[in-house]
Protein backbone atom coordinates (compact mmCIF):
# COMPACT_ATOMS: atom_id res chain seq x y z
CA MET A 1 17.15 -64.05 52.21
CA THR A 2 15.85 -64.89 48.78
CA ALA A 3 17.14 -62.78 45.84
CA ALA A 4 14.68 -60.45 44.13
CA PRO A 5 13.88 -61.63 40.63
CA VAL A 6 15.78 -59.88 37.87
CA VAL A 7 13.49 -58.25 35.24
CA THR A 8 15.30 -57.95 31.94
CA GLU A 9 14.79 -55.16 29.44
CA ALA A 10 13.25 -57.59 26.92
CA ALA A 11 10.56 -58.72 29.51
CA ARG A 12 9.62 -55.13 30.21
CA THR A 13 9.21 -54.22 26.44
CA VAL A 14 6.83 -57.14 25.70
CA PRO A 15 3.76 -55.81 27.45
CA ALA A 16 4.43 -52.34 25.96
CA ALA A 17 4.66 -53.78 22.45
CA ARG A 18 1.37 -55.62 23.01
CA THR A 19 -0.26 -52.43 24.12
CA ARG A 20 1.01 -50.55 21.06
CA ARG A 21 -0.32 -53.27 18.78
CA ARG A 22 -3.73 -53.11 20.37
CA VAL A 23 -3.77 -49.33 20.02
CA VAL A 24 -2.75 -49.56 16.39
CA GLU A 25 -5.43 -52.24 15.72
CA ARG A 26 -8.17 -50.09 17.29
CA SER A 27 -6.96 -47.09 15.29
CA LYS A 28 -7.13 -49.10 12.08
CA ARG A 29 -10.67 -50.33 12.80
CA ARG A 30 -11.83 -46.71 13.59
CA SER A 31 -10.06 -45.52 10.35
CA ASN A 32 -11.79 -48.15 8.27
CA LEU A 33 -15.12 -47.37 9.80
CA LEU A 34 -14.65 -43.65 9.17
CA THR A 35 -13.55 -44.36 5.54
CA VAL A 36 -16.77 -46.30 4.94
CA ILE A 37 -18.92 -43.50 6.43
CA VAL A 38 -17.11 -40.94 4.23
CA TRP A 39 -17.62 -42.85 1.08
CA VAL A 40 -21.31 -43.53 1.86
CA THR A 41 -21.71 -39.81 2.44
CA ILE A 42 -20.05 -38.96 -0.82
CA VAL A 43 -22.19 -41.31 -2.72
CA TYR A 44 -25.33 -40.03 -0.97
CA PHE A 45 -24.57 -36.44 -2.03
CA LEU A 46 -23.14 -37.09 -5.44
CA THR A 47 -25.90 -39.45 -6.68
CA PRO A 48 -28.40 -36.63 -7.44
CA LEU A 49 -25.75 -34.65 -9.27
CA VAL A 50 -24.81 -37.77 -11.34
CA TRP A 51 -28.43 -38.42 -12.11
CA LEU A 52 -28.90 -34.72 -13.21
CA ALA A 53 -25.78 -34.91 -15.48
CA ILE A 54 -26.93 -38.15 -17.10
CA SER A 55 -30.44 -36.83 -17.56
CA THR A 56 -29.22 -33.88 -19.63
CA THR A 57 -28.03 -36.41 -22.25
CA LYS A 58 -31.49 -37.97 -22.76
CA GLU A 59 -34.46 -37.02 -24.86
CA ASN A 60 -37.78 -36.55 -23.15
CA GLY A 61 -39.00 -40.14 -23.82
CA ASP A 62 -35.85 -41.71 -22.40
CA LEU A 63 -36.32 -39.83 -19.14
CA PHE A 64 -39.24 -42.03 -18.30
CA SER A 65 -38.35 -45.26 -20.04
CA THR A 66 -34.69 -45.88 -19.06
CA PHE A 67 -32.73 -46.30 -15.85
CA GLY A 68 -32.12 -42.97 -14.23
CA LEU A 69 -28.37 -43.54 -13.51
CA TRP A 70 -27.48 -44.71 -17.01
CA PHE A 71 -27.64 -43.16 -20.47
CA GLY A 72 -30.56 -43.41 -22.87
CA ASN A 73 -30.88 -44.74 -26.36
CA SER A 74 -29.33 -41.61 -27.91
CA PHE A 75 -26.99 -38.82 -26.78
CA GLN A 76 -28.97 -35.65 -26.78
CA PHE A 77 -26.83 -33.38 -24.63
CA PHE A 78 -25.92 -30.83 -27.31
CA ALA A 79 -29.48 -30.80 -28.69
CA ASN A 80 -30.82 -30.14 -25.17
CA VAL A 81 -28.41 -27.42 -24.61
CA GLY A 82 -29.33 -25.76 -27.94
CA SER A 83 -33.05 -25.98 -27.05
CA LEU A 84 -32.36 -24.51 -23.68
CA PHE A 85 -30.64 -21.37 -25.03
CA THR A 86 -33.10 -20.81 -27.88
CA PHE A 87 -36.45 -21.62 -26.14
CA GLN A 88 -38.74 -18.52 -25.80
CA GLY A 89 -36.27 -16.30 -27.51
CA GLY A 90 -33.25 -17.32 -25.43
CA VAL A 91 -34.83 -16.04 -22.14
CA PHE A 92 -32.56 -18.44 -20.22
CA TRP A 93 -29.63 -16.17 -21.01
CA GLN A 94 -31.44 -13.32 -19.35
CA TRP A 95 -32.27 -15.44 -16.28
CA MET A 96 -28.75 -16.43 -15.86
CA LEU A 97 -27.52 -12.82 -16.07
CA ASN A 98 -30.08 -11.78 -13.54
CA THR A 99 -28.95 -14.55 -11.17
CA VAL A 100 -25.27 -13.53 -11.52
CA ILE A 101 -26.22 -9.88 -10.81
CA TYR A 102 -28.33 -10.77 -7.76
CA ALA A 103 -25.80 -13.20 -6.37
CA VAL A 104 -22.67 -11.19 -6.89
CA ILE A 105 -23.97 -7.86 -5.65
CA SER A 106 -25.63 -9.56 -2.65
CA ALA A 107 -22.55 -11.65 -1.80
CA VAL A 108 -20.20 -8.71 -1.91
CA GLY A 109 -22.52 -6.33 -0.11
CA ALA A 110 -23.32 -8.90 2.58
CA ALA A 111 -19.70 -9.62 3.17
CA ALA A 112 -18.94 -5.93 3.54
CA THR A 113 -21.71 -5.21 5.99
CA ALA A 114 -21.08 -8.48 7.94
CA THR A 115 -17.30 -7.57 8.11
CA ALA A 116 -17.92 -4.09 9.42
CA THR A 117 -20.59 -5.18 11.89
CA GLY A 118 -18.66 -8.18 13.13
CA TYR A 119 -15.41 -6.16 13.54
CA ALA A 120 -17.26 -3.46 15.52
CA LEU A 121 -18.96 -5.98 17.77
CA ALA A 122 -15.60 -7.79 18.48
CA LYS A 123 -13.25 -4.89 18.83
CA TYR A 124 -15.24 -2.08 20.32
CA ARG A 125 -16.87 -1.85 23.69
CA PHE A 126 -20.04 0.17 23.81
CA ARG A 127 -23.28 0.18 25.67
CA GLY A 128 -25.75 -2.31 24.26
CA SER A 129 -23.21 -4.27 22.21
CA THR A 130 -24.13 -7.54 23.96
CA ALA A 131 -27.83 -6.89 23.31
CA VAL A 132 -27.25 -6.07 19.68
CA PHE A 133 -25.25 -9.23 19.17
CA SER A 134 -27.93 -11.32 20.91
CA VAL A 135 -30.62 -9.90 18.66
CA ILE A 136 -28.49 -10.73 15.56
CA LEU A 137 -27.84 -14.22 16.93
CA GLY A 138 -31.60 -14.73 17.58
CA SER A 139 -32.50 -13.67 14.04
CA ILE A 140 -30.52 -16.53 12.70
CA MET A 141 -33.17 -18.83 14.12
CA VAL A 142 -36.11 -17.06 12.47
CA PRO A 143 -37.22 -18.93 9.26
CA LEU A 144 -37.06 -16.90 6.10
CA THR A 145 -40.58 -17.84 5.22
CA ALA A 146 -41.77 -16.09 8.43
CA LEU A 147 -40.31 -12.86 7.12
CA ALA A 148 -41.73 -13.14 3.61
CA LEU A 149 -45.01 -11.33 4.20
CA PRO A 150 -43.52 -8.42 6.22
CA THR A 151 -40.77 -8.04 3.70
CA TYR A 152 -43.22 -8.02 0.79
CA LEU A 153 -45.47 -5.43 2.57
CA LEU A 154 -42.49 -3.19 3.29
CA PHE A 155 -41.25 -3.22 -0.35
CA ALA A 156 -44.69 -2.80 -1.67
CA ALA A 157 -45.11 0.42 0.40
CA ALA A 158 -41.78 1.66 -1.00
CA ASN A 159 -42.84 0.71 -4.55
CA LEU A 160 -39.90 -1.54 -4.97
CA THR A 161 -41.60 -4.84 -5.83
CA ASP A 162 -40.93 -6.15 -9.32
CA THR A 163 -37.52 -4.62 -9.32
CA MET A 164 -34.07 -5.85 -8.82
CA TRP A 165 -33.77 -4.00 -5.60
CA ALA A 166 -36.51 -6.28 -4.12
CA ILE A 167 -33.98 -9.20 -4.34
CA ILE A 168 -30.78 -7.39 -3.77
CA LEU A 169 -31.65 -5.27 -0.63
CA PRO A 170 -32.86 -8.11 1.58
CA SER A 171 -29.92 -10.20 0.58
CA LEU A 172 -27.40 -7.61 1.76
CA VAL A 173 -28.24 -8.63 5.35
CA SER A 174 -26.61 -11.85 6.61
CA PRO A 175 -27.02 -12.44 10.37
CA PHE A 176 -24.98 -15.68 10.07
CA GLY A 177 -22.32 -13.69 8.32
CA VAL A 178 -22.20 -11.12 11.17
CA TYR A 179 -21.98 -13.90 13.65
CA LEU A 180 -19.16 -15.64 11.73
CA MET A 181 -17.19 -12.38 11.24
CA ARG A 182 -17.65 -11.35 14.89
CA VAL A 183 -16.09 -14.64 16.02
CA TYR A 184 -13.37 -14.53 13.43
CA ALA A 185 -12.46 -10.89 14.16
CA ALA A 186 -12.16 -11.67 17.85
CA ASP A 187 -9.70 -14.40 17.27
CA SER A 188 -7.73 -13.21 14.16
CA VAL A 189 -7.24 -9.51 14.86
CA ASP A 190 -4.95 -8.96 17.81
CA ASP A 191 -5.67 -5.94 20.01
CA SER A 192 -2.01 -4.99 20.19
CA ILE A 193 -1.86 -4.45 16.49
CA LEU A 194 -4.72 -2.13 16.56
CA GLU A 195 -3.23 -0.15 19.43
CA ALA A 196 0.10 0.16 17.64
CA ALA A 197 -1.78 1.52 14.58
CA ARG A 198 -3.63 4.01 16.75
CA ILE A 199 -0.32 5.22 18.28
CA ASP A 200 1.04 5.70 14.73
CA GLY A 201 -1.94 8.00 14.12
CA ALA A 202 -4.10 5.77 11.91
CA GLY A 203 -7.84 6.37 11.99
CA GLU A 204 -10.39 3.66 12.73
CA PHE A 205 -11.58 3.39 9.21
CA ARG A 206 -8.08 3.06 7.91
CA ILE A 207 -7.25 0.46 10.49
CA LEU A 208 -10.25 -1.56 9.40
CA THR A 209 -9.44 -1.34 5.65
CA THR A 210 -5.73 -1.81 5.81
CA ILE A 211 -5.25 -4.14 8.81
CA GLY A 212 -8.60 -5.72 9.69
CA VAL A 213 -9.70 -6.60 6.23
CA ARG A 214 -6.36 -8.38 5.46
CA LEU A 215 -6.36 -10.32 8.72
CA MET A 216 -10.05 -11.30 8.16
CA ALA A 217 -9.74 -12.14 4.51
CA PRO A 218 -10.39 -15.87 4.87
CA GLY A 219 -13.48 -15.16 6.86
CA ILE A 220 -14.71 -12.57 4.39
CA VAL A 221 -14.27 -15.07 1.53
CA THR A 222 -16.24 -17.63 3.57
CA VAL A 223 -19.14 -15.19 3.95
CA VAL A 224 -19.01 -14.28 0.20
CA LEU A 225 -19.21 -17.97 -0.65
CA PHE A 226 -22.11 -18.67 1.70
CA GLN A 227 -24.13 -15.69 0.58
CA LEU A 228 -23.40 -16.37 -3.04
CA VAL A 229 -24.88 -19.80 -2.80
CA ALA A 230 -27.78 -18.69 -0.71
CA THR A 231 -28.80 -15.97 -3.17
CA TRP A 232 -28.09 -18.13 -6.28
CA ASN A 233 -30.45 -20.82 -4.92
CA ASN A 234 -32.95 -18.35 -3.57
CA TYR A 235 -36.49 -19.21 -4.89
CA PHE A 236 -39.10 -18.01 -2.46
CA LEU A 237 -38.12 -14.33 -2.26
CA PRO A 238 -38.05 -13.81 -6.08
CA LEU A 239 -41.31 -15.69 -6.44
CA ILE A 240 -43.21 -13.31 -4.27
CA MET A 241 -41.39 -10.14 -5.29
CA LEU A 242 -41.20 -10.41 -9.06
CA ASN A 243 -43.87 -10.52 -11.73
CA SER A 244 -41.77 -9.69 -14.95
CA PRO A 245 -40.23 -12.78 -16.46
CA SER A 246 -37.38 -10.60 -17.63
CA LEU A 247 -36.35 -10.06 -13.94
CA PHE A 248 -36.63 -13.72 -13.02
CA PRO A 249 -33.58 -15.53 -11.62
CA VAL A 250 -32.92 -19.01 -13.06
CA THR A 251 -34.66 -20.73 -10.14
CA VAL A 252 -38.03 -19.10 -10.75
CA GLY A 253 -37.72 -19.35 -14.52
CA LEU A 254 -37.06 -23.02 -14.54
CA ALA A 255 -39.86 -23.53 -12.00
CA GLN A 256 -42.21 -21.95 -14.43
CA TRP A 257 -41.10 -24.14 -17.28
CA GLN A 258 -41.48 -27.14 -14.99
CA ALA A 259 -45.04 -26.10 -14.12
CA THR A 260 -45.81 -25.74 -17.81
CA ALA A 261 -44.34 -29.20 -18.50
CA SER A 262 -46.30 -30.82 -15.63
CA ALA A 263 -49.56 -29.36 -17.00
CA GLY A 264 -49.44 -31.93 -19.78
CA GLY A 265 -49.87 -31.77 -23.50
CA GLY A 266 -47.09 -30.95 -25.93
CA ALA A 267 -45.31 -28.93 -23.22
CA GLN A 268 -44.05 -32.17 -21.72
CA VAL A 269 -41.02 -31.91 -24.00
CA LEU A 270 -39.79 -29.23 -21.60
CA PHE A 271 -38.78 -31.89 -18.98
CA SER A 272 -35.41 -32.46 -20.73
CA THR A 273 -34.96 -28.67 -21.24
CA VAL A 274 -35.63 -27.98 -17.60
CA LEU A 275 -33.19 -30.70 -16.41
CA THR A 276 -30.55 -29.35 -18.76
CA GLY A 277 -31.10 -25.78 -17.41
CA SER A 278 -30.81 -27.06 -13.90
CA PHE A 279 -27.50 -28.68 -14.67
CA VAL A 280 -26.09 -25.59 -16.50
CA SER A 281 -27.27 -23.32 -13.65
CA ILE A 282 -25.14 -25.17 -11.04
CA LEU A 283 -21.89 -25.03 -13.04
CA PRO A 284 -21.03 -21.53 -11.97
CA LEU A 285 -21.43 -22.60 -8.22
CA ILE A 286 -19.22 -25.56 -8.85
CA VAL A 287 -16.58 -23.24 -10.32
CA ALA A 288 -16.97 -20.74 -7.43
CA PHE A 289 -16.51 -23.62 -4.87
CA LEU A 290 -13.34 -24.93 -6.61
CA PHE A 291 -11.85 -21.40 -6.91
CA LEU A 292 -12.62 -20.35 -3.34
CA GLN A 293 -12.17 -23.75 -1.71
CA ARG A 294 -8.83 -22.98 -0.18
CA TYR A 295 -9.98 -19.71 1.36
CA TRP A 296 -13.12 -21.41 2.62
CA GLN A 297 -11.24 -24.14 4.37
CA SER A 298 -8.67 -21.86 5.85
CA GLY A 299 -11.38 -19.57 7.05
CA LEU A 300 -13.15 -22.31 8.97
CA ALA A 301 -9.89 -23.80 10.27
CA THR A 302 -8.36 -20.57 11.58
CA GLY A 303 -11.50 -18.81 12.68
CA GLY A 304 -11.60 -20.56 16.06
CA VAL A 305 -7.86 -20.54 16.71
CA LYS A 306 -6.17 -17.78 18.67
CA GLY A 307 -3.45 -15.96 16.76
């Protein structure tokens, strides 16, 4: 009989080492590709912001005669800011205040209604709950422009047009926020905790405010952030609802200045003012993102994970 070949430990480890090297090389190639994609995406999204920031430092003539992504012949940022806050009696201050009022009230109100509705749909079983959730889910797919005319007619019949309520009341409803909170409540609020609270004699409203809200806090902050941005950037609804310039948000006000500048004549000097106003108007959103970023990230990360 011939003896079986003896396979040493070193001979067995060679193929395994080669396999590991190939896996590591493939992982590095994927990592490099993903890094390139991420940087391209970052450049794509940041280029308009960089252009806007640079444009605020230029005078009106340099906006059309110099390269967009580089500075002009003179640094006019402070002059443009001064013109922004003094033009037409400083109406930009009023527009910013209106925008803050609309956005904050709408964000907090929408988060409250979405939290209560999402919690109820997730934790209570009642007849028609599935149908209600299906209707809410379907309403997310309806474009806001399709609801513009019915909303205007409804508020006109109630004599609420050209008031702050015409902007705040529609913004208190967030179908996407309800969907998000329903999913988040189903995964983050354990039924055993609710049963223990009921055994201890706690009422349903107290359970929601003392237990549910705390467990759903990251999701609530996420809805606040989404609705804050949506209301802050809202243009079409204020355009059709408001007539008084003193009630305009910054989006509609700057659009009117832009229309005046585009009409020609001496009003063309407004281009630099409009661009400066656009830059100033996004600074509060940047601050809000930076402040709420950790809650936003944790809300998206933990919303789909069972506790």
